[in-house]
Amino acid sequence: MSFPSDIDIARRAQLVPLGEIASQLNLPIEFLEAYGPGVAKIKLGALEALQSRPSGKYVVVTAITPTPLGEGKTTTSVGLGQAMGRIGQKAVLTLRQPSMGPTFGIKGGAAGGGYSQVVPMENLNLHLTGDFHAVTAAHNLLAAMLDNHLFRGNELGLDLDNITWRRALDVNDRSLRAIAIGRGGKMDGVARDTGFDITAASDVMALRGLSTSL
């Protein structure tokens, strides 16, 4: 018997309404910010409103032996969450939004696999709530500001050969890892070497990951 593909399994899944999921967590529905029928954010106000509740236990799933196809950390985590639910425990799974780059390569998306995956699969692996795109835009805005500073005279005296702020893109494109910019006319910026990093590894994403408040 052939095993169905991840996408077939995902599309056969019956999504539970978000309001019902919030109810299972005793989370008032007014703290949900919906992005379509299958995706929602939890508003920050929930932290203050629910702070009197006892803290839960925190389990970290990780690995230190990277392989081309990944170790299965996400699949293991999803399976653990499902197992907790099966034995009557309340469990919330926290995953980083996957980069779109590997989605179009051999590795596939980071939504788990088989019957231990997150749905809706396409939303999770492509755009979700649009935060990755916002981080990409913010990062590249800062890159543009930097190059505009160089074009306007470089008042800070920045060394063009030692600028480490590169651009960001959430697609695996090896042709953009190392590029030359400003190669047009006099009004097209200062010529220098730079490149693109994947958005998940950008400085702005690091700042988001380390921040504790707005």
N, C-alpha and C. Protein backbone atom coordinates (compact mmCIF):
# COMPACT_ATOMS: atom_id res chain seq x y z
N MET A 1 0.85 -1.19 0.00
CA MET A 1 0.00 0.00 0.00
C MET A 1 0.89 1.24 0.00
N SER A 2 0.69 2.14 -0.94
CA SER A 2 1.51 3.34 -1.01
C SER A 2 1.08 4.34 0.06
N PHE A 3 2.07 5.04 0.61
CA PHE A 3 1.81 6.04 1.65
C PHE A 3 1.49 7.37 0.98
N PRO A 4 0.40 8.03 1.38
CA PRO A 4 0.05 9.30 0.73
C PRO A 4 1.10 10.38 0.99
N SER A 5 1.22 11.32 0.08
CA SER A 5 2.19 12.40 0.23
C SER A 5 1.75 13.36 1.34
N ASP A 6 2.70 14.17 1.81
CA ASP A 6 2.38 15.15 2.86
C ASP A 6 1.24 16.06 2.44
N ILE A 7 1.27 16.53 1.20
CA ILE A 7 0.25 17.48 0.76
C ILE A 7 -1.12 16.81 0.68
N ASP A 8 -1.15 15.52 0.30
CA ASP A 8 -2.43 14.80 0.27
C ASP A 8 -3.00 14.66 1.68
N ILE A 9 -2.14 14.32 2.63
CA ILE A 9 -2.58 14.19 4.02
C ILE A 9 -3.09 15.53 4.54
N ALA A 10 -2.34 16.61 4.23
CA ALA A 10 -2.72 17.93 4.72
C ALA A 10 -4.08 18.35 4.17
N ARG A 11 -4.32 18.07 2.90
CA ARG A 11 -5.56 18.52 2.27
C ARG A 11 -6.77 17.68 2.69
N ARG A 12 -6.52 16.49 3.21
CA ARG A 12 -7.63 15.67 3.70
C ARG A 12 -8.02 16.03 5.13
N ALA A 13 -7.14 16.74 5.82
CA ALA A 13 -7.40 17.07 7.23
C ALA A 13 -8.59 18.02 7.35
N GLN A 14 -9.42 17.79 8.36
CA GLN A 14 -10.55 18.66 8.65
C GLN A 14 -10.12 19.67 9.71
N LEU A 15 -10.05 20.94 9.33
CA LEU A 15 -9.59 21.96 10.26
C LEU A 15 -10.66 22.25 11.31
N VAL A 16 -10.22 22.33 12.57
CA VAL A 16 -11.11 22.72 13.66
C VAL A 16 -11.20 24.25 13.66
N PRO A 17 -12.39 24.84 13.81
CA PRO A 17 -12.50 26.30 13.85
C PRO A 17 -11.57 26.91 14.91
N LEU A 18 -10.98 28.05 14.57
CA LEU A 18 -10.01 28.68 15.47
C LEU A 18 -10.64 29.01 16.82
N GLY A 19 -11.91 29.40 16.80
CA GLY A 19 -12.58 29.71 18.06
C GLY A 19 -12.65 28.50 18.98
N GLU A 20 -12.82 27.32 18.40
CA GLU A 20 -12.88 26.09 19.20
C GLU A 20 -11.50 25.77 19.79
N ILE A 21 -10.47 26.00 19.00
CA ILE A 21 -9.12 25.77 19.50
C ILE A 21 -8.81 26.72 20.65
N ALA A 22 -9.20 27.99 20.50
CA ALA A 22 -9.00 28.96 21.58
C ALA A 22 -9.75 28.53 22.84
N SER A 23 -10.96 28.00 22.65
CA SER A 23 -11.76 27.55 23.79
C SER A 23 -11.07 26.40 24.51
N GLN A 24 -10.43 25.49 23.77
CA GLN A 24 -9.72 24.38 24.38
C GLN A 24 -8.57 24.87 25.27
N LEU A 25 -8.02 26.04 24.92
CA LEU A 25 -6.92 26.62 25.70
C LEU A 25 -7.41 27.61 26.75
N ASN A 26 -8.75 27.73 26.88
CA ASN A 26 -9.34 28.74 27.77
C ASN A 26 -8.83 30.13 27.42
N LEU A 27 -8.69 30.38 26.12
CA LEU A 27 -8.24 31.68 25.63
C LEU A 27 -9.44 32.43 25.07
N PRO A 28 -9.83 33.55 25.67
CA PRO A 28 -10.96 34.33 25.15
C PRO A 28 -10.76 34.68 23.68
N ILE A 29 -11.81 34.52 22.87
CA ILE A 29 -11.69 34.67 21.43
C ILE A 29 -11.31 36.09 21.02
N GLU A 30 -11.56 37.08 21.90
CA GLU A 30 -11.20 38.45 21.53
C GLU A 30 -9.69 38.66 21.44
N PHE A 31 -8.91 37.70 21.93
CA PHE A 31 -7.46 37.80 21.82
C PHE A 31 -6.92 37.19 20.53
N LEU A 32 -7.81 36.66 19.70
CA LEU A 32 -7.39 36.11 18.41
C LEU A 32 -7.45 37.18 17.32
N GLU A 33 -6.43 37.21 16.48
CA GLU A 33 -6.40 38.09 15.31
C GLU A 33 -6.30 37.19 14.09
N ALA A 34 -7.44 36.98 13.42
CA ALA A 34 -7.52 35.97 12.36
C ALA A 34 -6.86 36.44 11.07
N TYR A 35 -6.19 35.50 10.41
CA TYR A 35 -5.64 35.70 9.06
C TYR A 35 -6.24 34.61 8.19
N GLY A 36 -7.51 34.75 7.87
CA GLY A 36 -8.21 33.71 7.13
C GLY A 36 -8.78 32.67 8.09
N PRO A 37 -9.37 31.59 7.55
CA PRO A 37 -10.06 30.61 8.38
C PRO A 37 -9.15 29.67 9.16
N GLY A 38 -7.88 29.54 8.75
CA GLY A 38 -7.04 28.55 9.40
C GLY A 38 -5.83 29.08 10.12
N VAL A 39 -5.65 30.40 10.15
CA VAL A 39 -4.46 31.00 10.75
C VAL A 39 -4.87 32.19 11.61
N ALA A 40 -4.24 32.37 12.75
CA ALA A 40 -4.51 33.52 13.61
C ALA A 40 -3.29 33.81 14.47
N LYS A 41 -3.16 35.07 14.86
CA LYS A 41 -2.17 35.46 15.86
C LYS A 41 -2.89 35.60 17.20
N ILE A 42 -2.13 35.48 18.29
CA ILE A 42 -2.65 35.79 19.62
C ILE A 42 -2.14 37.17 19.99
N LYS A 43 -3.04 38.07 20.34
CA LYS A 43 -2.67 39.44 20.66
C LYS A 43 -1.84 39.49 21.95
N LEU A 44 -0.90 40.44 21.99
CA LEU A 44 -0.02 40.56 23.15
C LEU A 44 -0.80 40.83 24.43
N GLY A 45 -1.99 41.43 24.30
CA GLY A 45 -2.79 41.72 25.49
C GLY A 45 -3.14 40.48 26.29
N ALA A 46 -3.08 39.31 25.64
CA ALA A 46 -3.40 38.07 26.34
C ALA A 46 -2.39 37.79 27.45
N LEU A 47 -1.13 38.22 27.28
CA LEU A 47 -0.12 37.97 28.30
C LEU A 47 -0.49 38.62 29.62
N GLU A 48 -0.91 39.87 29.56
CA GLU A 48 -1.27 40.59 30.78
C GLU A 48 -2.59 40.09 31.35
N ALA A 49 -3.54 39.83 30.46
CA ALA A 49 -4.87 39.42 30.91
C ALA A 49 -4.84 38.05 31.58
N LEU A 50 -3.92 37.18 31.18
CA LEU A 50 -3.91 35.80 31.67
C LEU A 50 -2.71 35.51 32.59
N GLN A 51 -2.03 36.55 33.06
CA GLN A 51 -0.80 36.34 33.81
C GLN A 51 -1.01 35.67 35.16
N SER A 52 -2.25 35.67 35.66
CA SER A 52 -2.52 35.03 36.96
C SER A 52 -2.57 33.51 36.85
N ARG A 53 -2.63 32.99 35.65
CA ARG A 53 -2.68 31.54 35.48
C ARG A 53 -1.31 30.92 35.78
N PRO A 54 -1.31 29.69 36.29
CA PRO A 54 -0.01 29.03 36.56
C PRO A 54 0.75 28.74 35.27
N SER A 55 2.07 28.77 35.35
CA SER A 55 2.91 28.50 34.19
C SER A 55 2.91 27.01 33.87
N GLY A 56 3.06 26.70 32.59
CA GLY A 56 3.14 25.31 32.18
C GLY A 56 4.58 24.83 32.14
N LYS A 57 4.78 23.60 31.74
CA LYS A 57 6.13 23.05 31.59
C LYS A 57 6.59 23.29 30.15
N TYR A 58 7.89 23.52 30.00
CA TYR A 58 8.47 23.88 28.71
C TYR A 58 9.42 22.78 28.26
N VAL A 59 9.17 22.21 27.11
CA VAL A 59 10.00 21.13 26.57
C VAL A 59 10.64 21.60 25.27
N VAL A 60 11.95 21.48 25.16
CA VAL A 60 12.68 21.91 23.96
C VAL A 60 13.10 20.68 23.16
N VAL A 61 12.80 20.69 21.87
CA VAL A 61 13.24 19.62 20.96
C VAL A 61 14.27 20.23 20.03
N THR A 62 15.49 19.69 20.02
CA THR A 62 16.53 20.26 19.18
C THR A 62 17.47 19.15 18.71
N ALA A 63 18.47 19.52 17.93
CA ALA A 63 19.46 18.57 17.43
C ALA A 63 20.73 19.33 17.07
N ILE A 64 21.86 18.63 17.06
CA ILE A 64 23.15 19.28 16.76
C ILE A 64 23.87 18.60 15.61
N THR A 65 23.17 17.73 14.88
CA THR A 65 23.83 17.00 13.79
C THR A 65 23.09 17.26 12.49
N PRO A 66 23.27 18.44 11.89
CA PRO A 66 22.51 18.78 10.68
C PRO A 66 22.81 17.86 9.51
N THR A 67 21.76 17.47 8.82
CA THR A 67 21.89 16.65 7.61
C THR A 67 21.17 17.37 6.48
N PRO A 68 21.44 17.00 5.22
CA PRO A 68 20.81 17.70 4.10
C PRO A 68 19.29 17.72 4.16
N LEU A 69 18.68 16.67 4.69
CA LEU A 69 17.22 16.58 4.71
C LEU A 69 16.63 16.94 6.07
N GLY A 70 17.47 17.34 7.02
CA GLY A 70 16.95 17.70 8.33
C GLY A 70 16.80 16.48 9.23
N GLU A 71 16.79 16.72 10.55
CA GLU A 71 16.76 15.62 11.51
C GLU A 71 15.35 15.18 11.87
N GLY A 72 14.34 15.99 11.52
CA GLY A 72 12.99 15.64 11.91
C GLY A 72 12.57 16.28 13.23
N LYS A 73 13.19 17.39 13.59
CA LYS A 73 12.84 18.07 14.85
C LYS A 73 11.38 18.48 14.85
N THR A 74 10.91 19.04 13.73
CA THR A 74 9.53 19.51 13.67
C THR A 74 8.55 18.33 13.73
N THR A 75 8.84 17.30 12.95
CA THR A 75 7.96 16.12 12.96
C THR A 75 7.89 15.52 14.36
N THR A 76 9.05 15.43 15.04
CA THR A 76 9.07 14.91 16.41
C THR A 76 8.26 15.80 17.34
N SER A 77 8.41 17.12 17.20
CA SER A 77 7.68 18.05 18.06
C SER A 77 6.18 17.94 17.85
N VAL A 78 5.76 17.88 16.58
CA VAL A 78 4.32 17.75 16.30
C VAL A 78 3.78 16.46 16.88
N GLY A 79 4.56 15.38 16.72
CA GLY A 79 4.14 14.09 17.27
C GLY A 79 4.00 14.14 18.78
N LEU A 80 4.92 14.83 19.46
CA LEU A 80 4.83 14.96 20.92
C LEU A 80 3.58 15.75 21.32
N GLY A 81 3.31 16.82 20.56
CA GLY A 81 2.10 17.60 20.85
C GLY A 81 0.84 16.78 20.69
N GLN A 82 0.80 15.97 19.62
CA GLN A 82 -0.35 15.10 19.39
C GLN A 82 -0.48 14.07 20.50
N ALA A 83 0.66 13.53 20.94
CA ALA A 83 0.64 12.52 22.00
C ALA A 83 0.13 13.11 23.31
N MET A 84 0.55 14.34 23.62
CA MET A 84 0.07 15.01 24.83
C MET A 84 -1.45 15.17 24.78
N GLY A 85 -1.95 15.58 23.62
CA GLY A 85 -3.39 15.73 23.48
C GLY A 85 -4.11 14.40 23.63
N ARG A 86 -3.48 13.35 23.13
CA ARG A 86 -4.09 12.01 23.18
C ARG A 86 -4.28 11.52 24.62
N ILE A 87 -3.35 11.90 25.51
CA ILE A 87 -3.44 11.45 26.91
C ILE A 87 -4.14 12.48 27.79
N GLY A 88 -4.75 13.50 27.14
CA GLY A 88 -5.57 14.44 27.90
C GLY A 88 -4.85 15.65 28.46
N GLN A 89 -3.61 15.88 28.02
CA GLN A 89 -2.87 17.05 28.48
C GLN A 89 -3.08 18.22 27.51
N LYS A 90 -3.07 19.43 28.05
CA LYS A 90 -3.12 20.60 27.19
C LYS A 90 -1.71 20.93 26.72
N ALA A 91 -1.53 20.98 25.42
CA ALA A 91 -0.19 21.22 24.88
C ALA A 91 -0.28 22.23 23.74
N VAL A 92 0.66 23.16 23.71
CA VAL A 92 0.78 24.14 22.63
C VAL A 92 2.15 23.98 22.00
N LEU A 93 2.18 23.83 20.70
CA LEU A 93 3.43 23.63 19.98
C LEU A 93 3.91 24.97 19.43
N THR A 94 5.18 25.30 19.66
CA THR A 94 5.76 26.54 19.18
C THR A 94 6.86 26.23 18.18
N LEU A 95 6.66 26.63 16.92
CA LEU A 95 7.63 26.40 15.86
C LEU A 95 8.00 27.73 15.21
N ARG A 96 9.21 27.81 14.69
CA ARG A 96 9.56 28.99 13.88
C ARG A 96 8.92 28.84 12.51
N GLN A 97 8.43 29.97 11.98
CA GLN A 97 7.89 29.93 10.63
C GLN A 97 8.98 29.47 9.67
N PRO A 98 8.71 28.49 8.81
CA PRO A 98 9.75 28.00 7.90
C PRO A 98 10.11 29.03 6.83
N SER A 99 11.37 29.00 6.41
CA SER A 99 11.78 29.81 5.28
C SER A 99 11.16 29.25 4.01
N MET A 100 10.83 30.13 3.08
CA MET A 100 10.27 29.66 1.82
C MET A 100 11.33 29.00 0.95
N GLY A 101 12.60 29.36 1.14
CA GLY A 101 13.66 28.82 0.30
C GLY A 101 13.65 27.31 0.21
N PRO A 102 13.82 26.60 1.36
CA PRO A 102 13.84 25.13 1.30
C PRO A 102 12.53 24.52 0.78
N THR A 103 11.43 25.25 0.86
CA THR A 103 10.15 24.73 0.37
C THR A 103 10.23 24.37 -1.11
N PHE A 104 11.03 25.13 -1.86
CA PHE A 104 11.14 24.90 -3.29
C PHE A 104 12.34 24.02 -3.65
N GLY A 105 13.02 23.46 -2.63
CA GLY A 105 14.17 22.62 -2.88
C GLY A 105 13.89 21.19 -2.43
N ILE A 106 14.96 20.41 -2.24
CA ILE A 106 14.81 19.00 -1.91
C ILE A 106 14.27 18.80 -0.51
N LYS A 107 14.58 19.74 0.41
CA LYS A 107 14.23 19.54 1.80
C LYS A 107 12.72 19.62 2.04
N GLY A 108 12.04 20.46 1.30
CA GLY A 108 10.61 20.63 1.54
C GLY A 108 10.37 21.60 2.68
N GLY A 109 9.12 21.79 3.03
CA GLY A 109 8.77 22.75 4.07
C GLY A 109 9.05 22.23 5.46
N ALA A 110 8.91 23.10 6.43
CA ALA A 110 9.18 22.73 7.83
C ALA A 110 7.88 22.60 8.60
N ALA A 111 6.91 21.90 8.01
CA ALA A 111 5.61 21.75 8.66
C ALA A 111 5.43 20.36 9.23
N GLY A 112 6.55 19.65 9.45
CA GLY A 112 6.45 18.27 9.89
C GLY A 112 6.35 17.36 8.69
N GLY A 113 5.83 16.15 8.90
CA GLY A 113 5.71 15.23 7.79
C GLY A 113 4.71 14.13 8.08
N GLY A 114 4.13 13.56 7.01
CA GLY A 114 3.18 12.47 7.18
C GLY A 114 1.97 12.90 8.00
N TYR A 115 1.64 12.09 9.00
CA TYR A 115 0.50 12.41 9.85
C TYR A 115 0.88 13.27 11.06
N SER A 116 2.15 13.69 11.12
CA SER A 116 2.60 14.59 12.18
C SER A 116 3.05 15.90 11.55
N GLN A 117 2.10 16.64 11.01
CA GLN A 117 2.42 17.91 10.37
C GLN A 117 1.40 18.97 10.75
N VAL A 118 1.77 20.21 10.48
CA VAL A 118 0.91 21.35 10.80
C VAL A 118 0.11 21.72 9.56
N VAL A 119 -1.18 21.96 9.74
CA VAL A 119 -2.04 22.39 8.64
C VAL A 119 -2.71 23.71 9.03
N PRO A 120 -3.08 24.55 8.05
CA PRO A 120 -2.97 24.34 6.60
C PRO A 120 -1.53 24.45 6.12
N MET A 121 -1.08 23.39 5.45
CA MET A 121 0.32 23.26 5.06
C MET A 121 0.79 24.38 4.14
N GLU A 122 -0.02 24.70 3.12
CA GLU A 122 0.41 25.73 2.16
C GLU A 122 0.58 27.08 2.83
N ASN A 123 -0.33 27.43 3.74
CA ASN A 123 -0.24 28.72 4.43
C ASN A 123 1.04 28.80 5.26
N LEU A 124 1.31 27.73 6.00
CA LEU A 124 2.48 27.72 6.88
C LEU A 124 3.77 27.83 6.09
N ASN A 125 3.87 27.09 4.98
CA ASN A 125 5.12 27.03 4.24
C ASN A 125 5.34 28.21 3.31
N LEU A 126 4.32 28.96 3.00
CA LEU A 126 4.50 30.05 2.03
C LEU A 126 4.45 31.43 2.67
N HIS A 127 3.29 31.89 3.12
CA HIS A 127 3.24 33.29 3.57
C HIS A 127 2.79 33.45 5.02
N LEU A 128 1.99 32.52 5.54
CA LEU A 128 1.46 32.57 6.90
C LEU A 128 0.84 33.95 7.16
N THR A 129 1.38 34.73 8.10
CA THR A 129 0.78 36.04 8.39
C THR A 129 1.52 37.18 7.71
N GLY A 130 2.51 36.86 6.88
CA GLY A 130 3.24 37.90 6.16
C GLY A 130 4.40 38.50 6.94
N ASP A 131 4.70 37.96 8.12
CA ASP A 131 5.77 38.55 8.94
C ASP A 131 7.14 38.44 8.27
N PHE A 132 7.40 37.31 7.60
CA PHE A 132 8.70 37.15 6.93
C PHE A 132 8.88 38.24 5.88
N HIS A 133 7.82 38.52 5.15
CA HIS A 133 7.92 39.55 4.10
C HIS A 133 8.16 40.92 4.73
N ALA A 134 7.53 41.17 5.88
CA ALA A 134 7.72 42.44 6.57
C ALA A 134 9.16 42.58 7.06
N VAL A 135 9.72 41.50 7.59
CA VAL A 135 11.12 41.52 8.04
C VAL A 135 12.04 41.76 6.85
N THR A 136 11.77 41.09 5.73
CA THR A 136 12.57 41.28 4.52
C THR A 136 12.55 42.74 4.08
N ALA A 137 11.35 43.33 4.07
CA ALA A 137 11.22 44.72 3.64
C ALA A 137 11.95 45.67 4.60
N ALA A 138 11.82 45.43 5.91
CA ALA A 138 12.49 46.28 6.89
C ALA A 138 14.00 46.18 6.76
N HIS A 139 14.49 44.97 6.58
CA HIS A 139 15.94 44.77 6.44
C HIS A 139 16.47 45.48 5.20
N ASN A 140 15.77 45.33 4.09
CA ASN A 140 16.23 45.94 2.85
C ASN A 140 16.06 47.46 2.84
N LEU A 141 15.09 47.97 3.60
CA LEU A 141 14.97 49.42 3.76
C LEU A 141 16.21 49.98 4.44
N LEU A 142 16.69 49.28 5.47
CA LEU A 142 17.91 49.72 6.15
C LEU A 142 19.12 49.63 5.22
N ALA A 143 19.15 48.60 4.37
CA ALA A 143 20.25 48.47 3.40
C ALA A 143 20.21 49.64 2.40
N ALA A 144 19.01 50.01 1.98
CA ALA A 144 18.87 51.13 1.05
C ALA A 144 19.29 52.45 1.71
N MET A 145 18.94 52.61 2.99
CA MET A 145 19.36 53.81 3.72
C MET A 145 20.88 53.89 3.81
N LEU A 146 21.52 52.75 4.05
CA LEU A 146 22.97 52.71 4.12
C LEU A 146 23.59 53.13 2.79
N ASP A 147 23.09 52.57 1.71
CA ASP A 147 23.65 52.92 0.40
C ASP A 147 23.35 54.36 0.02
N ASN A 148 22.21 54.87 0.47
CA ASN A 148 21.91 56.28 0.21
C ASN A 148 22.88 57.18 0.97
N HIS A 149 23.25 56.76 2.19
CA HIS A 149 24.24 57.52 2.97
C HIS A 149 25.58 57.57 2.23
N LEU A 150 25.98 56.44 1.66
CA LEU A 150 27.23 56.41 0.89
C LEU A 150 27.13 57.33 -0.33
N PHE A 151 25.97 57.31 -1.00
CA PHE A 151 25.76 58.12 -2.21
C PHE A 151 25.79 59.61 -1.89
N ARG A 152 25.29 59.98 -0.70
CA ARG A 152 25.21 61.39 -0.32
C ARG A 152 26.50 61.93 0.27
N GLY A 153 27.57 61.15 0.21
CA GLY A 153 28.86 61.69 0.64
C GLY A 153 29.55 60.89 1.74
N ASN A 154 28.87 59.91 2.33
CA ASN A 154 29.48 59.06 3.35
C ASN A 154 30.06 59.87 4.50
N GLU A 155 29.21 60.65 5.14
CA GLU A 155 29.63 61.54 6.23
C GLU A 155 30.28 60.76 7.37
N LEU A 156 29.86 59.52 7.59
CA LEU A 156 30.42 58.72 8.69
C LEU A 156 31.75 58.07 8.33
N GLY A 157 32.17 58.20 7.08
CA GLY A 157 33.44 57.63 6.66
C GLY A 157 33.47 56.11 6.71
N LEU A 158 32.37 55.47 6.32
CA LEU A 158 32.29 54.01 6.35
C LEU A 158 33.24 53.41 5.31
N ASP A 159 33.90 52.32 5.69
CA ASP A 159 34.81 51.61 4.80
C ASP A 159 34.00 50.71 3.88
N LEU A 160 33.98 51.02 2.60
CA LEU A 160 33.17 50.25 1.65
C LEU A 160 33.54 48.78 1.60
N ASP A 161 34.77 48.44 1.96
CA ASP A 161 35.22 47.06 1.90
C ASP A 161 34.88 46.27 3.17
N ASN A 162 34.33 46.96 4.18
CA ASN A 162 34.05 46.27 5.45
C ASN A 162 32.62 46.49 5.93
N ILE A 163 31.69 46.70 5.01
CA ILE A 163 30.28 46.82 5.37
C ILE A 163 29.68 45.42 5.41
N THR A 164 29.16 45.03 6.55
CA THR A 164 28.65 43.66 6.72
C THR A 164 27.13 43.59 6.62
N TRP A 165 26.46 44.73 6.52
CA TRP A 165 24.99 44.72 6.39
C TRP A 165 24.64 44.43 4.93
N ARG A 166 24.19 43.20 4.69
CA ARG A 166 23.83 42.79 3.34
C ARG A 166 22.32 42.90 3.16
N ARG A 167 21.81 42.44 2.06
CA ARG A 167 20.37 42.43 1.84
C ARG A 167 19.79 41.07 2.19
N ALA A 168 18.46 40.98 2.22
CA ALA A 168 17.80 39.73 2.63
C ALA A 168 16.73 39.34 1.63
N LEU A 169 16.55 38.04 1.47
CA LEU A 169 15.53 37.50 0.58
C LEU A 169 15.15 36.12 1.09
N ASP A 170 13.85 35.80 1.09
CA ASP A 170 13.42 34.51 1.65
C ASP A 170 13.30 33.44 0.55
N VAL A 171 14.29 33.39 -0.29
CA VAL A 171 14.34 32.38 -1.36
C VAL A 171 15.80 31.92 -1.49
N ASN A 172 16.02 30.62 -1.66
CA ASN A 172 17.37 30.13 -1.90
C ASN A 172 17.77 30.48 -3.34
N ASP A 173 18.68 31.43 -3.49
CA ASP A 173 19.13 31.84 -4.82
C ASP A 173 20.63 32.08 -4.74
N ARG A 174 21.41 31.05 -5.06
CA ARG A 174 22.86 31.15 -4.86
C ARG A 174 23.50 32.23 -5.73
N SER A 175 22.83 32.62 -6.82
CA SER A 175 23.38 33.66 -7.69
C SER A 175 23.42 35.02 -7.00
N LEU A 176 22.65 35.18 -5.92
CA LEU A 176 22.59 36.47 -5.22
C LEU A 176 23.42 36.49 -3.94
N ARG A 177 24.13 35.41 -3.66
CA ARG A 177 24.92 35.38 -2.43
C ARG A 177 26.02 36.43 -2.45
N ALA A 178 26.61 36.66 -3.60
CA ALA A 178 27.66 37.67 -3.75
C ALA A 178 27.39 38.44 -5.03
N ILE A 179 27.14 39.75 -4.90
CA ILE A 179 26.79 40.56 -6.06
C ILE A 179 27.53 41.89 -6.00
N ALA A 180 27.55 42.59 -7.12
CA ALA A 180 28.08 43.95 -7.21
C ALA A 180 26.91 44.89 -7.47
N ILE A 181 26.83 45.99 -6.72
CA ILE A 181 25.74 46.95 -6.89
C ILE A 181 26.31 48.30 -7.32
N GLY A 182 25.40 49.19 -7.74
CA GLY A 182 25.82 50.53 -8.15
C GLY A 182 26.60 50.53 -9.45
N ARG A 183 26.29 49.59 -10.33
CA ARG A 183 27.07 49.46 -11.57
C ARG A 183 26.50 50.28 -12.72
N GLY A 184 25.46 51.09 -12.45
CA GLY A 184 24.85 51.87 -13.52
C GLY A 184 25.55 53.21 -13.71
N GLY A 185 24.73 54.23 -13.95
CA GLY A 185 25.29 55.56 -14.16
C GLY A 185 25.59 56.28 -12.85
N LYS A 186 25.92 57.59 -12.96
CA LYS A 186 26.34 58.38 -11.81
C LYS A 186 25.25 58.47 -10.74
N MET A 187 23.98 58.37 -11.14
CA MET A 187 22.87 58.51 -10.20
C MET A 187 22.38 57.17 -9.67
N ASP A 188 23.11 56.10 -9.96
CA ASP A 188 22.65 54.76 -9.57
C ASP A 188 23.38 54.20 -8.37
N GLY A 189 23.92 55.05 -7.53
CA GLY A 189 24.53 54.59 -6.30
C GLY A 189 26.02 54.35 -6.41
N VAL A 190 26.61 54.01 -5.24
CA VAL A 190 28.06 53.78 -5.14
C VAL A 190 28.35 52.31 -5.46
N ALA A 191 29.30 52.08 -6.33
CA ALA A 191 29.65 50.71 -6.70
C ALA A 191 30.40 50.02 -5.56
N ARG A 192 29.91 48.87 -5.18
CA ARG A 192 30.59 48.06 -4.15
C ARG A 192 30.07 46.63 -4.21
N ASP A 193 30.76 45.75 -3.50
CA ASP A 193 30.34 44.35 -3.44
C ASP A 193 29.48 44.11 -2.21
N THR A 194 28.42 43.33 -2.37
CA THR A 194 27.55 42.96 -1.25
C THR A 194 26.91 41.62 -1.59
N GLY A 195 25.74 41.34 -1.04
CA GLY A 195 25.07 40.08 -1.33
C GLY A 195 23.78 39.96 -0.56
N PHE A 196 23.14 38.81 -0.68
CA PHE A 196 21.87 38.54 -0.01
C PHE A 196 22.03 37.36 0.96
N ASP A 197 21.41 37.48 2.13
CA ASP A 197 21.26 36.38 3.07
C ASP A 197 19.79 35.98 3.09
N ILE A 198 19.50 34.74 3.52
CA ILE A 198 18.10 34.34 3.63
C ILE A 198 17.48 35.06 4.83
N THR A 199 16.23 35.45 4.70
CA THR A 199 15.58 36.31 5.69
C THR A 199 15.67 35.76 7.10
N ALA A 200 15.52 34.44 7.26
CA ALA A 200 15.55 33.85 8.60
C ALA A 200 16.87 34.11 9.32
N ALA A 201 17.95 34.38 8.56
CA ALA A 201 19.26 34.62 9.15
C ALA A 201 19.62 36.11 9.15
N SER A 202 18.65 36.98 8.88
CA SER A 202 18.94 38.41 8.79
C SER A 202 19.08 39.03 10.18
N ASP A 203 19.73 40.18 10.23
CA ASP A 203 19.93 40.88 11.50
C ASP A 203 18.59 41.34 12.09
N VAL A 204 17.68 41.76 11.25
CA VAL A 204 16.37 42.20 11.74
C VAL A 204 15.62 41.03 12.38
N MET A 205 15.73 39.86 11.76
CA MET A 205 15.09 38.67 12.34
C MET A 205 15.72 38.33 13.69
N ALA A 206 17.03 38.49 13.81
CA ALA A 206 17.71 38.24 15.08
C ALA A 206 17.20 39.20 16.15
N LEU A 207 17.03 40.47 15.77
CA LEU A 207 16.53 41.46 16.72
C LEU A 207 15.13 41.09 17.18
N ARG A 208 14.30 40.64 16.26
CA ARG A 208 12.94 40.21 16.61
C ARG A 208 12.98 39.04 17.58
N GLY A 209 13.88 38.10 17.30
CA GLY A 209 13.95 36.90 18.14
C GLY A 209 14.44 37.19 19.55
N LEU A 210 15.27 38.22 19.72
CA LEU A 210 15.84 38.54 21.02
C LEU A 210 15.06 39.59 21.79
N SER A 211 14.14 40.28 21.12
CA SER A 211 13.42 41.37 21.78
C SER A 211 12.42 40.84 22.80
N THR A 212 12.17 41.62 23.83
CA THR A 212 11.21 41.24 24.88
C THR A 212 10.02 42.17 24.91
N SER A 213 10.00 43.20 24.08
CA SER A 213 8.88 44.14 24.05
C SER A 213 8.89 44.88 22.72
N LEU A 214 7.78 45.59 22.43
CA LEU A 214 7.77 46.42 21.23
C LEU A 214 8.87 47.47 21.28
